[in-house]
PDB file of all heavy atoms in Angstrom:
ATOM      1  N   PRO A   1       0.837  -1.221   0.015  1.00  0.00           N
ATOM      2  CA  PRO A   1      -0.003  -0.005  -0.003  1.00  0.00           C
ATOM      3  C   PRO A   1       0.857   1.256  -0.006  1.00  0.00           C
ATOM      4  O   PRO A   1       1.726   1.385   0.849  1.00  0.00           O
ATOM      5  CB  PRO A   1      -0.800  -0.118   1.293  1.00  0.00           C
ATOM      6  CG  PRO A   1      -0.566  -1.479   1.833  1.00  0.00           C
ATOM      7  CD  PRO A   1       0.729  -1.940   1.245  1.00  0.00           C
ATOM      8  N   ILE A   2       0.655   2.113  -0.923  1.00  0.00           N
ATOM      9  CA  ILE A   2       1.504   3.319  -1.135  1.00  0.00           C
ATOM     10  C   ILE A   2       1.487   4.221   0.109  1.00  0.00           C
ATOM     11  O   ILE A   2       2.465   4.887   0.373  1.00  0.00           O
ATOM     12  CB  ILE A   2       1.022   4.102  -2.386  1.00  0.00           C
ATOM     13  CG1 ILE A   2       2.124   5.058  -2.838  1.00  0.00           C
ATOM     14  CG2 ILE A   2      -0.292   4.817  -2.228  1.00  0.00           C
ATOM     15  CD1 ILE A   2       3.326   4.427  -3.469  1.00  0.00           C
ATOM     16  N   ASN A   3       0.405   4.230   0.915  1.00  0.00           N
ATOM     17  CA  ASN A   3       0.385   5.095   2.071  1.00  0.00           C
ATOM     18  C   ASN A   3       1.310   4.596   3.202  1.00  0.00           C
ATOM     19  O   ASN A   3       1.421   5.302   4.218  1.00  0.00           O
ATOM     20  CB  ASN A   3      -1.060   5.283   2.620  1.00  0.00           C
ATOM     21  CG  ASN A   3      -1.738   3.951   2.902  1.00  0.00           C
ATOM     22  OD1 ASN A   3      -1.588   2.976   2.152  1.00  0.00           O
ATOM     23  ND2 ASN A   3      -2.474   3.901   3.967  1.00  0.00           N
ATOM     24  N   TYR A   4       1.991   3.509   3.056  1.00  0.00           N
ATOM     25  CA  TYR A   4       2.921   3.039   4.062  1.00  0.00           C
ATOM     26  C   TYR A   4       4.362   3.341   3.643  1.00  0.00           C
ATOM     27  O   TYR A   4       5.311   2.919   4.348  1.00  0.00           O
ATOM     28  CB  TYR A   4       2.747   1.528   4.362  1.00  0.00           C
ATOM     29  CG  TYR A   4       1.568   1.324   5.233  1.00  0.00           C
ATOM     30  CD1 TYR A   4       0.298   1.093   4.662  1.00  0.00           C
ATOM     31  CD2 TYR A   4       1.605   1.385   6.580  1.00  0.00           C
ATOM     32  CE1 TYR A   4      -0.844   0.936   5.439  1.00  0.00           C
ATOM     33  CE2 TYR A   4       0.501   1.268   7.423  1.00  0.00           C
ATOM     34  CZ  TYR A   4      -0.723   1.052   6.793  1.00  0.00           C
ATOM     35  OH  TYR A   4      -1.848   0.905   7.593  1.00  0.00           O
ATOM     36  N   GLN A   5       4.512   4.125   2.565  1.00  0.00           N
ATOM     37  CA  GLN A   5       5.917   4.369   2.117  1.00  0.00           C
ATOM     38  C   GLN A   5       6.710   5.195   3.126  1.00  0.00           C
ATOM     39  O   GLN A   5       7.965   5.139   3.165  1.00  0.00           O
ATOM     40  CB  GLN A   5       5.939   5.003   0.729  1.00  0.00           C
ATOM     41  CG  GLN A   5       5.257   6.372   0.649  1.00  0.00           C
ATOM     42  CD  GLN A   5       5.342   6.935  -0.734  1.00  0.00           C
ATOM     43  OE1 GLN A   5       6.344   6.832  -1.435  1.00  0.00           O
ATOM     44  NE2 GLN A   5       4.232   7.447  -1.207  1.00  0.00           N
ATOM     45  N   LYS A   6       6.041   5.960   3.968  1.00  0.00           N
ATOM     46  CA  LYS A   6       6.832   6.719   5.009  1.00  0.00           C
ATOM     47  C   LYS A   6       7.520   5.808   5.958  1.00  0.00           C
ATOM     48  O   LYS A   6       8.471   6.233   6.649  1.00  0.00           O
ATOM     49  CB  LYS A   6       5.932   7.751   5.661  1.00  0.00           C
ATOM     50  CG  LYS A   6       4.931   7.176   6.684  1.00  0.00           C
ATOM     51  CD  LYS A   6       4.193   8.317   7.367  1.00  0.00           C
ATOM     52  CE  LYS A   6       3.197   7.811   8.404  1.00  0.00           C
ATOM     53  NZ  LYS A   6       2.497   8.880   9.054  1.00  0.00           N
ATOM     54  N   TYR A   7       7.053   4.564   6.118  1.00  0.00           N
ATOM     55  CA  TYR A   7       7.683   3.597   6.991  1.00  0.00           C
ATOM     56  C   TYR A   7       8.747   2.759   6.286  1.00  0.00           C
ATOM     57  O   TYR A   7       9.364   1.881   6.841  1.00  0.00           O
ATOM     58  CB  TYR A   7       6.656   2.715   7.667  1.00  0.00           C
ATOM     59  CG  TYR A   7       5.646   3.503   8.498  1.00  0.00           C
ATOM     60  CD1 TYR A   7       4.367   3.695   8.109  1.00  0.00           C
ATOM     61  CD2 TYR A   7       6.062   4.031   9.709  1.00  0.00           C
ATOM     62  CE1 TYR A   7       3.448   4.404   8.843  1.00  0.00           C
ATOM     63  CE2 TYR A   7       5.166   4.769  10.495  1.00  0.00           C
ATOM     64  CZ  TYR A   7       3.879   4.932  10.047  1.00  0.00           C
ATOM     65  OH  TYR A   7       2.991   5.659  10.824  1.00  0.00           O
ATOM     66  N   PHE A   8       8.907   3.044   4.988  1.00  0.00           N
ATOM     67  CA  PHE A   8       9.922   2.358   4.187  1.00  0.00           C
ATOM     68  C   PHE A   8      11.261   3.111   4.427  1.00  0.00           C
ATOM     69  O   PHE A   8      11.604   4.016   3.683  1.00  0.00           O
ATOM     70  CB  PHE A   8       9.538   2.363   2.735  1.00  0.00           C
ATOM     71  CG  PHE A   8      10.404   1.489   1.840  1.00  0.00           C
ATOM     72  CD1 PHE A   8      10.412   0.110   1.940  1.00  0.00           C
ATOM     73  CD2 PHE A   8      11.275   2.065   0.902  1.00  0.00           C
ATOM     74  CE1 PHE A   8      11.247  -0.682   1.182  1.00  0.00           C
ATOM     75  CE2 PHE A   8      12.083   1.302   0.099  1.00  0.00           C
ATOM     76  CZ  PHE A   8      12.064  -0.066   0.215  1.00  0.00           C
ATOM     77  N   THR A   9      11.944   2.747   5.456  1.00  0.00           N
ATOM     78  CA  THR A   9      13.161   3.420   5.930  1.00  0.00           C
ATOM     79  C   THR A   9      14.369   2.511   5.753  1.00  0.00           C
ATOM     80  O   THR A   9      14.231   1.343   5.340  1.00  0.00           O
ATOM     81  CB  THR A   9      13.005   3.810   7.392  1.00  0.00           C
ATOM     82  OG1 THR A   9      12.913   2.558   8.160  1.00  0.00           O
ATOM     83  CG2 THR A   9      11.805   4.693   7.636  1.00  0.00           C
ATOM     84  N   LYS A  10      15.498   2.984   6.176  1.00  0.00           N
ATOM     85  CA  LYS A  10      16.724   2.160   6.147  1.00  0.00           C
ATOM     86  C   LYS A  10      16.520   0.910   6.993  1.00  0.00           C
ATOM     87  O   LYS A  10      16.959  -0.201   6.662  1.00  0.00           O
ATOM     88  CB  LYS A  10      17.908   2.959   6.646  1.00  0.00           C
ATOM     89  CG  LYS A  10      18.308   4.092   5.688  1.00  0.00           C
ATOM     90  CD  LYS A  10      19.446   4.913   6.290  1.00  0.00           C
ATOM     91  CE  LYS A  10      19.838   6.043   5.352  1.00  0.00           C
ATOM     92  NZ  LYS A  10      20.944   6.866   5.867  1.00  0.00           N
ATOM     93  N   LEU A  11      15.886   1.081   8.144  1.00  0.00           N
ATOM     94  CA  LEU A  11      15.625  -0.057   9.042  1.00  0.00           C
ATOM     95  C   LEU A  11      14.676  -1.081   8.381  1.00  0.00           C
ATOM     96  O   LEU A  11      14.991  -2.266   8.371  1.00  0.00           O
ATOM     97  CB  LEU A  11      15.016   0.445  10.340  1.00  0.00           C
ATOM     98  CG  LEU A  11      14.485  -0.643  11.316  1.00  0.00           C
ATOM     99  CD1 LEU A  11      15.657  -1.660  11.710  1.00  0.00           C
ATOM    100  CD2 LEU A  11      13.929  -0.027  12.596  1.00  0.00           C
ATOM    101  N   SER A  12      13.563  -0.646   7.809  1.00  0.00           N
ATOM    102  CA  SER A  12      12.648  -1.588   7.150  1.00  0.00           C
ATOM    103  C   SER A  12      13.326  -2.264   5.987  1.00  0.00           C
ATOM    104  O   SER A  12      13.074  -3.435   5.705  1.00  0.00           O
ATOM    105  CB  SER A  12      11.371  -0.913   6.805  1.00  0.00           C
ATOM    106  OG  SER A  12      11.524   0.179   5.927  1.00  0.00           O
ATOM    107  N   LEU A  13      14.158  -1.509   5.234  1.00  0.00           N
ATOM    108  CA  LEU A  13      14.880  -2.122   4.132  1.00  0.00           C
ATOM    109  C   LEU A  13      15.774  -3.201   4.610  1.00  0.00           C
ATOM    110  O   LEU A  13      15.878  -4.277   3.998  1.00  0.00           O
ATOM    111  CB  LEU A  13      15.670  -0.998   3.382  1.00  0.00           C
ATOM    112  CG  LEU A  13      16.589  -1.474   2.217  1.00  0.00           C
ATOM    113  CD1 LEU A  13      15.718  -2.161   1.117  1.00  0.00           C
ATOM    114  CD2 LEU A  13      17.313  -0.280   1.661  1.00  0.00           C
ATOM    115  N   ALA A  14      16.500  -2.968   5.732  1.00  0.00           N
ATOM    116  CA  ALA A  14      17.418  -3.977   6.266  1.00  0.00           C
ATOM    117  C   ALA A  14      16.637  -5.205   6.753  1.00  0.00           C
ATOM    118  O   ALA A  14      17.083  -6.329   6.539  1.00  0.00           O
ATOM    119  CB  ALA A  14      18.237  -3.386   7.443  1.00  0.00           C
ATOM    120  N   VAL A  15      15.497  -5.009   7.392  1.00  0.00           N
ATOM    121  CA  VAL A  15      14.662  -6.150   7.811  1.00  0.00           C
ATOM    122  C   VAL A  15      14.194  -6.953   6.651  1.00  0.00           C
ATOM    123  O   VAL A  15      14.224  -8.175   6.626  1.00  0.00           O
ATOM    124  CB  VAL A  15      13.530  -5.641   8.721  1.00  0.00           C
ATOM    125  CG1 VAL A  15      12.566  -6.777   8.995  1.00  0.00           C
ATOM    126  CG2 VAL A  15      14.032  -5.037  10.020  1.00  0.00           C
ATOM    127  N   TRP A  16      13.688  -6.243   5.644  1.00  0.00           N
ATOM    128  CA  TRP A  16      13.228  -6.960   4.377  1.00  0.00           C
ATOM    129  C   TRP A  16      14.362  -7.746   3.805  1.00  0.00           C
ATOM    130  O   TRP A  16      14.203  -8.956   3.461  1.00  0.00           O
ATOM    131  CB  TRP A  16      12.758  -5.871   3.407  1.00  0.00           C
ATOM    132  CG  TRP A  16      12.254  -6.418   2.086  1.00  0.00           C
ATOM    133  CD1 TRP A  16      11.678  -7.675   1.847  1.00  0.00           C
ATOM    134  CD2 TRP A  16      12.215  -5.681   0.840  1.00  0.00           C
ATOM    135  NE1 TRP A  16      11.300  -7.733   0.517  1.00  0.00           N
ATOM    136  CE2 TRP A  16      11.623  -6.540  -0.120  1.00  0.00           C
ATOM    137  CE3 TRP A  16      12.607  -4.411   0.413  1.00  0.00           C
ATOM    138  CZ2 TRP A  16      11.442  -6.178  -1.442  1.00  0.00           C
ATOM    139  CZ3 TRP A  16      12.358  -4.038  -0.862  1.00  0.00           C
ATOM    140  CH2 TRP A  16      11.800  -4.902  -1.816  1.00  0.00           C
ATOM    141  N   TYR A  17      15.564  -7.176   3.765  1.00  0.00           N
ATOM    142  CA  TYR A  17      16.753  -7.895   3.237  1.00  0.00           C
ATOM    143  C   TYR A  17      17.104  -9.051   4.086  1.00  0.00           C
ATOM    144  O   TYR A  17      17.412 -10.183   3.610  1.00  0.00           O
ATOM    145  CB  TYR A  17      17.921  -6.907   3.114  1.00  0.00           C
ATOM    146  CG  TYR A  17      19.159  -7.587   2.540  1.00  0.00           C
ATOM    147  CD1 TYR A  17      19.185  -8.167   1.313  1.00  0.00           C
ATOM    148  CD2 TYR A  17      20.362  -7.561   3.303  1.00  0.00           C
ATOM    149  CE1 TYR A  17      20.309  -8.767   0.780  1.00  0.00           C
ATOM    150  CE2 TYR A  17      21.543  -8.164   2.777  1.00  0.00           C
ATOM    151  CZ  TYR A  17      21.492  -8.773   1.546  1.00  0.00           C
ATOM    152  OH  TYR A  17      22.621  -9.387   1.068  1.00  0.00           O
ATOM    153  N   MET A  18      17.104  -8.942   5.450  1.00  0.00           N
ATOM    154  CA  MET A  18      17.419 -10.057   6.320  1.00  0.00           C
ATOM    155  C   MET A  18      16.398 -11.172   6.166  1.00  0.00           C
ATOM    156  O   MET A  18      16.716 -12.391   6.151  1.00  0.00           O
ATOM    157  CB  MET A  18      17.503  -9.601   7.796  1.00  0.00           C
ATOM    158  CG  MET A  18      18.734  -8.809   8.115  1.00  0.00           C
ATOM    159  SD  MET A  18      18.951  -8.431   9.896  1.00  0.00           S
ATOM    160  CE  MET A  18      17.741  -7.129  10.127  1.00  0.00           C
ATOM    161  N   ASP A  19      15.138 -10.832   5.989  1.00  0.00           N
ATOM    162  CA  ASP A  19      14.068 -11.813   5.781  1.00  0.00           C
ATOM    163  C   ASP A  19      14.166 -12.536   4.478  1.00  0.00           C
ATOM    164  O   ASP A  19      14.077 -13.771   4.392  1.00  0.00           O
ATOM    165  CB  ASP A  19      12.714 -11.124   5.848  1.00  0.00           C
ATOM    166  CG  ASP A  19      12.087 -11.107   7.233  1.00  0.00           C
ATOM    167  OD1 ASP A  19      12.846 -11.187   8.203  1.00  0.00           O
ATOM    168  OD2 ASP A  19      10.868 -11.001   7.347  1.00  0.00           O
ATOM    169  N   ASP A  20      14.334 -11.774   3.352  1.00  0.00           N
ATOM    170  CA  ASP A  20      14.105 -12.341   2.052  1.00  0.00           C
ATOM    171  C   ASP A  20      15.191 -11.977   1.031  1.00  0.00           C
ATOM    172  O   ASP A  20      14.973 -12.088  -0.158  1.00  0.00           O
ATOM    173  CB  ASP A  20      12.756 -11.842   1.492  1.00  0.00           C
ATOM    174  CG  ASP A  20      11.691 -12.927   1.623  1.00  0.00           C
ATOM    175  OD1 ASP A  20      12.037 -14.044   2.049  1.00  0.00           O
ATOM    176  OD2 ASP A  20      10.519 -12.612   1.324  1.00  0.00           O
ATOM    177  N   GLY A  21      16.373 -11.546   1.490  1.00  0.00           N
ATOM    178  CA  GLY A  21      17.399 -11.164   0.558  1.00  0.00           C
ATOM    179  C   GLY A  21      18.592 -12.135   0.610  1.00  0.00           C
ATOM    180  O   GLY A  21      18.737 -12.907   1.541  1.00  0.00           O
ATOM    181  N   ASN A  22      19.454 -12.007  -0.392  1.00  0.00           N
ATOM    182  CA  ASN A  22      20.690 -12.801  -0.411  1.00  0.00           C
ATOM    183  C   ASN A  22      21.741 -12.111  -1.231  1.00  0.00           C
ATOM    184  O   ASN A  22      21.432 -11.214  -2.016  1.00  0.00           O
ATOM    185  CB  ASN A  22      20.434 -14.203  -0.908  1.00  0.00           C
ATOM    186  CG  ASN A  22      19.988 -14.272  -2.314  1.00  0.00           C
ATOM    187  OD1 ASN A  22      20.656 -13.852  -3.238  1.00  0.00           O
ATOM    188  ND2 ASN A  22      18.774 -14.811  -2.588  1.00  0.00           N
ATOM    189  N   ILE A  23      22.969 -12.503  -0.984  1.00  0.00           N
ATOM    190  CA  ILE A  23      24.061 -11.962  -1.719  1.00  0.00           C
ATOM    191  C   ILE A  23      24.925 -13.139  -2.259  1.00  0.00           C
ATOM    192  O   ILE A  23      25.094 -14.119  -1.578  1.00  0.00           O
ATOM    193  CB  ILE A  23      24.948 -11.035  -0.798  1.00  0.00           C
ATOM    194  CG1 ILE A  23      26.030 -10.322  -1.593  1.00  0.00           C
ATOM    195  CG2 ILE A  23      25.514 -11.781   0.394  1.00  0.00           C
ATOM    196  CD1 ILE A  23      26.703  -9.168  -0.830  1.00  0.00           C
ATOM    197  N   TYR A  24      25.435 -12.959  -3.459  1.00  0.00           N
ATOM    198  CA  TYR A  24      26.244 -14.011  -4.073  1.00  0.00           C
ATOM    199  C   TYR A  24      27.537 -13.399  -4.569  1.00  0.00           C
ATOM    200  O   TYR A  24      27.531 -12.424  -5.350  1.00  0.00           O
ATOM    201  CB  TYR A  24      25.442 -14.613  -5.214  1.00  0.00           C
ATOM    202  CG  TYR A  24      26.230 -15.718  -5.971  1.00  0.00           C
ATOM    203  CD1 TYR A  24      26.438 -16.953  -5.351  1.00  0.00           C
ATOM    204  CD2 TYR A  24      26.634 -15.563  -7.268  1.00  0.00           C
ATOM    205  CE1 TYR A  24      27.096 -17.967  -5.991  1.00  0.00           C
ATOM    206  CE2 TYR A  24      27.334 -16.519  -7.956  1.00  0.00           C
ATOM    207  CZ  TYR A  24      27.539 -17.767  -7.297  1.00  0.00           C
ATOM    208  OH  TYR A  24      28.224 -18.765  -7.921  1.00  0.00           O
ATOM    209  N   LYS A  25      28.640 -13.944  -4.114  1.00  0.00           N
ATOM    210  CA  LYS A  25      29.996 -13.458  -4.478  1.00  0.00           C
ATOM    211  C   LYS A  25      30.167 -11.979  -4.294  1.00  0.00           C
ATOM    212  O   LYS A  25      30.786 -11.278  -5.090  1.00  0.00           O
ATOM    213  CB  LYS A  25      30.310 -13.879  -5.915  1.00  0.00           C
ATOM    214  CG  LYS A  25      30.419 -15.398  -6.097  1.00  0.00           C
ATOM    215  CD  LYS A  25      30.947 -15.753  -7.458  1.00  0.00           C
ATOM    216  CE  LYS A  25      31.193 -17.242  -7.526  1.00  0.00           C
ATOM    217  NZ  LYS A  25      31.677 -17.694  -8.836  1.00  0.00           N
ATOM    218  N   SER A  26      29.589 -11.387  -3.273  1.00  0.00           N
ATOM    219  CA  SER A  26      29.743 -10.007  -2.843  1.00  0.00           C
ATOM    220  C   SER A  26      29.231  -9.003  -3.829  1.00  0.00           C
ATOM    221  O   SER A  26      29.398  -7.779  -3.590  1.00  0.00           O
ATOM    222  CB  SER A  26      31.221  -9.699  -2.513  1.00  0.00           C
ATOM    223  OG  SER A  26      31.661 -10.518  -1.464  1.00  0.00           O
ATOM    224  N   ARG A  27      28.680  -9.426  -4.909  1.00  0.00           N
ATOM    225  CA  ARG A  27      28.236  -8.405  -5.967  1.00  0.00           C
ATOM    226  C   ARG A  27      26.786  -8.615  -6.351  1.00  0.00           C
ATOM    227  O   ARG A  27      26.249  -7.667  -6.828  1.00  0.00           O
ATOM    228  CB  ARG A  27      29.159  -8.586  -7.203  1.00  0.00           C
ATOM    229  CG  ARG A  27      30.581  -8.283  -7.045  1.00  0.00           C
ATOM    230  CD  ARG A  27      30.883  -6.859  -6.552  1.00  0.00           C
ATOM    231  NE  ARG A  27      30.265  -5.822  -7.289  1.00  0.00           N
ATOM    232  CZ  ARG A  27      30.017  -4.608  -6.810  1.00  0.00           C
ATOM    233  NH1 ARG A  27      30.381  -4.284  -5.585  1.00  0.00           N
ATOM    234  NH2 ARG A  27      29.454  -3.693  -7.566  1.00  0.00           N
ATOM    235  N   ASN A  28      26.232  -9.750  -6.266  1.00  0.00           N
ATOM    236  CA  ASN A  28      24.907 -10.025  -6.776  1.00  0.00           C
ATOM    237  C   ASN A  28      23.922 -10.057  -5.618  1.00  0.00           C
ATOM    238  O   ASN A  28      23.859 -11.030  -4.885  1.00  0.00           O
ATOM    239  CB  ASN A  28      24.917 -11.368  -7.548  1.00  0.00           C
ATOM    240  CG  ASN A  28      23.686 -11.532  -8.363  1.00  0.00           C
ATOM    241  OD1 ASN A  28      22.744 -10.712  -8.369  1.00  0.00           O
ATOM    242  ND2 ASN A  28      23.634 -12.609  -9.106  1.00  0.00           N
ATOM    243  N   VAL A  29      23.214  -8.947  -5.410  1.00  0.00           N
ATOM    244  CA  VAL A  29      22.272  -8.799  -4.286  1.00  0.00           C
ATOM    245  C   VAL A  29      20.860  -8.827  -4.814  1.00  0.00           C
ATOM    246  O   VAL A  29      20.468  -8.072  -5.732  1.00  0.00           O
ATOM    247  CB  VAL A  29      22.487  -7.504  -3.463  1.00  0.00           C
ATOM    248  CG1 VAL A  29      21.398  -7.278  -2.454  1.00  0.00           C
ATOM    249  CG2 VAL A  29      23.902  -7.519  -2.845  1.00  0.00           C
ATOM    250  N   LYS A  30      20.027  -9.700  -4.258  1.00  0.00           N
ATOM    251  CA  LYS A  30      18.629  -9.862  -4.691  1.00  0.00           C
ATOM    252  C   LYS A  30      17.714  -9.902  -3.442  1.00  0.00           C
ATOM    253  O   LYS A  30      18.128 -10.417  -2.404  1.00  0.00           O
ATOM    254  CB  LYS A  30      18.408 -11.144  -5.508  1.00  0.00           C
ATOM    255  CG  LYS A  30      19.164 -11.179  -6.800  1.00  0.00           C
ATOM    256  CD  LYS A  30      18.893 -12.462  -7.512  1.00  0.00           C
ATOM    257  CE  LYS A  30      19.733 -12.585  -8.800  1.00  0.00           C
ATOM    258  NZ  LYS A  30      19.508 -13.842  -9.446  1.00  0.00           N
ATOM    259  N   ILE A  31      16.515  -9.308  -3.580  1.00  0.00           N
ATOM    260  CA  ILE A  31      15.515  -9.415  -2.510  1.00  0.00           C
ATOM    261  C   ILE A  31      14.264  -9.935  -3.173  1.00  0.00           C
ATOM    262  O   ILE A  31      13.806  -9.464  -4.198  1.00  0.00           O
ATOM    263  CB  ILE A  31      15.247  -8.067  -1.883  1.00  0.00           C
ATOM    264  CG1 ILE A  31      16.575  -7.329  -1.498  1.00  0.00           C
ATOM    265  CG2 ILE A  31      14.352  -8.195  -0.684  1.00  0.00           C
ATOM    266  CD1 ILE A  31      16.355  -5.932  -0.942  1.00  0.00           C
ATOM    267  N   SER A  32      13.682 -10.898  -2.545  1.00  0.00           N
ATOM    268  CA  SER A  32      12.476 -11.516  -3.085  1.00  0.00           C
ATOM    269  C   SER A  32      11.268 -10.532  -2.911  1.00  0.00           C
ATOM    270  O   SER A  32      11.036  -9.977  -1.886  1.00  0.00           O
ATOM    271  CB  SER A  32      12.158 -12.815  -2.366  1.00  0.00           C
ATOM    272  OG  SER A  32      11.009 -13.407  -2.906  1.00  0.00           O
ATOM    273  N   ALA A  33      10.550 -10.422  -4.017  1.00  0.00           N
ATOM    274  CA  ALA A  33       9.306  -9.611  -4.042  1.00  0.00           C
ATOM    275  C   ALA A  33       8.251 -10.372  -4.843  1.00  0.00           C
ATOM    276  O   ALA A  33       7.303  -9.787  -5.307  1.00  0.00           O
ATOM    277  CB  ALA A  33       9.544  -8.194  -4.619  1.00  0.00           C
ATOM    278  N   ASP A  34       8.483 -11.676  -5.066  1.00  0.00           N
ATOM    279  CA  ASP A  34       7.576 -12.418  -5.925  1.00  0.00           C
ATOM    280  C   ASP A  34       6.184 -12.584  -5.320  1.00  0.00           C
ATOM    281  O   ASP A  34       5.257 -12.961  -6.033  1.00  0.00           O
ATOM    282  CB  ASP A  34       8.202 -13.786  -6.291  1.00  0.00           C
ATOM    283  CG  ASP A  34       8.593 -14.580  -5.051  1.00  0.00           C
ATOM    284  OD1 ASP A  34       9.150 -13.994  -4.158  1.00  0.00           O
ATOM    285  OD2 ASP A  34       8.352 -15.785  -5.016  1.00  0.00           O
ATOM    286  N   CYS A  35       6.001 -12.370  -4.013  1.00  0.00           N
ATOM    287  CA  CYS A  35       4.664 -12.450  -3.430  1.00  0.00           C
ATOM    288  C   CYS A  35       3.806 -11.225  -3.750  1.00  0.00           C
ATOM    289  O   CYS A  35       2.586 -11.260  -3.485  1.00  0.00           O
ATOM    290  CB  CYS A  35       4.767 -12.642  -1.923  1.00  0.00           C
ATOM    291  SG  CYS A  35       5.576 -11.251  -1.063  1.00  0.00           S
ATOM    292  N   PHE A  36       4.395 -10.202  -4.320  1.00  0.00           N
ATOM    293  CA  PHE A  36       3.688  -8.959  -4.654  1.00  0.00           C
ATOM    294  C   PHE A  36       3.280  -8.908  -6.122  1.00  0.00           C
ATOM    295  O   PHE A  36       3.933  -9.555  -6.949  1.00  0.00           O
ATOM    296  CB  PHE A  36       4.545  -7.725  -4.357  1.00  0.00           C
ATOM    297  CG  PHE A  36       4.798  -7.533  -2.895  1.00  0.00           C
ATOM    298  CD1 PHE A  36       5.965  -7.918  -2.310  1.00  0.00           C
ATOM    299  CD2 PHE A  36       3.805  -6.924  -2.107  1.00  0.00           C
ATOM    300  CE1 PHE A  36       6.203  -7.723  -0.944  1.00  0.00           C
ATOM    301  CE2 PHE A  36       4.024  -6.745  -0.752  1.00  0.00           C
ATOM    302  CZ  PHE A  36       5.180  -7.124  -0.159  1.00  0.00           C
ATOM    303  N   ASP A  37       2.260  -8.143  -6.438  1.00  0.00           N
ATOM    304  CA  ASP A  37       1.893  -7.919  -7.834  1.00  0.00           C
ATOM    305  C   ASP A  37       2.900  -7.021  -8.509  1.00  0.00           C
ATOM    306  O   ASP A  37       3.742  -6.419  -7.884  1.00  0.00           O
ATOM    307  CB  ASP A  37       0.445  -7.383  -7.928  1.00  0.00           C
ATOM    308  CG  ASP A  37       0.277  -5.977  -7.328  1.00  0.00           C
ATOM    309  OD1 ASP A  37       1.277  -5.429  -6.803  1.00  0.00           O
ATOM    310  OD2 ASP A  37      -0.794  -5.461  -7.386  1.00  0.00           O
ATOM    311  N   SER A  38       2.813  -6.934  -9.842  1.00  0.00           N
ATOM    312  CA  SER A  38       3.816  -6.210 -10.606  1.00  0.00           C
ATOM    313  C   SER A  38       3.768  -4.722 -10.288  1.00  0.00           C
ATOM    314  O   SER A  38       4.841  -4.059 -10.249  1.00  0.00           O
ATOM    315  CB  SER A  38       3.599  -6.396 -12.098  1.00  0.00           C
ATOM    316  OG  SER A  38       2.318  -5.967 -12.519  1.00  0.00           O
ATOM    317  N   THR A  39       2.568  -4.176 -10.000  1.00  0.00           N
ATOM    318  CA  THR A  39       2.527  -2.762  -9.618  1.00  0.00           C
ATOM    319  C   THR A  39       3.269  -2.503  -8.320  1.00  0.00           C
ATOM    320  O   THR A  39       4.041  -1.510  -8.218  1.00  0.00           O
ATOM    321  CB  THR A  39       1.032  -2.284  -9.420  1.00  0.00           C
ATOM    322  OG1 THR A  39       0.339  -2.569 -10.639  1.00  0.00           O
ATOM    323  CG2 THR A  39       0.921  -0.855  -9.047  1.00  0.00           C
TER     324      THR A  39
END
């Protein structure tokens, strides 16, 4: 929901990454967002 973007902070980004992100060979960083629609 767009009205929650004010809570999209460095902390929330780090939590999202800890939950659903990964790094490969120190250069390839991905975070899963496949549970969300394309918008």
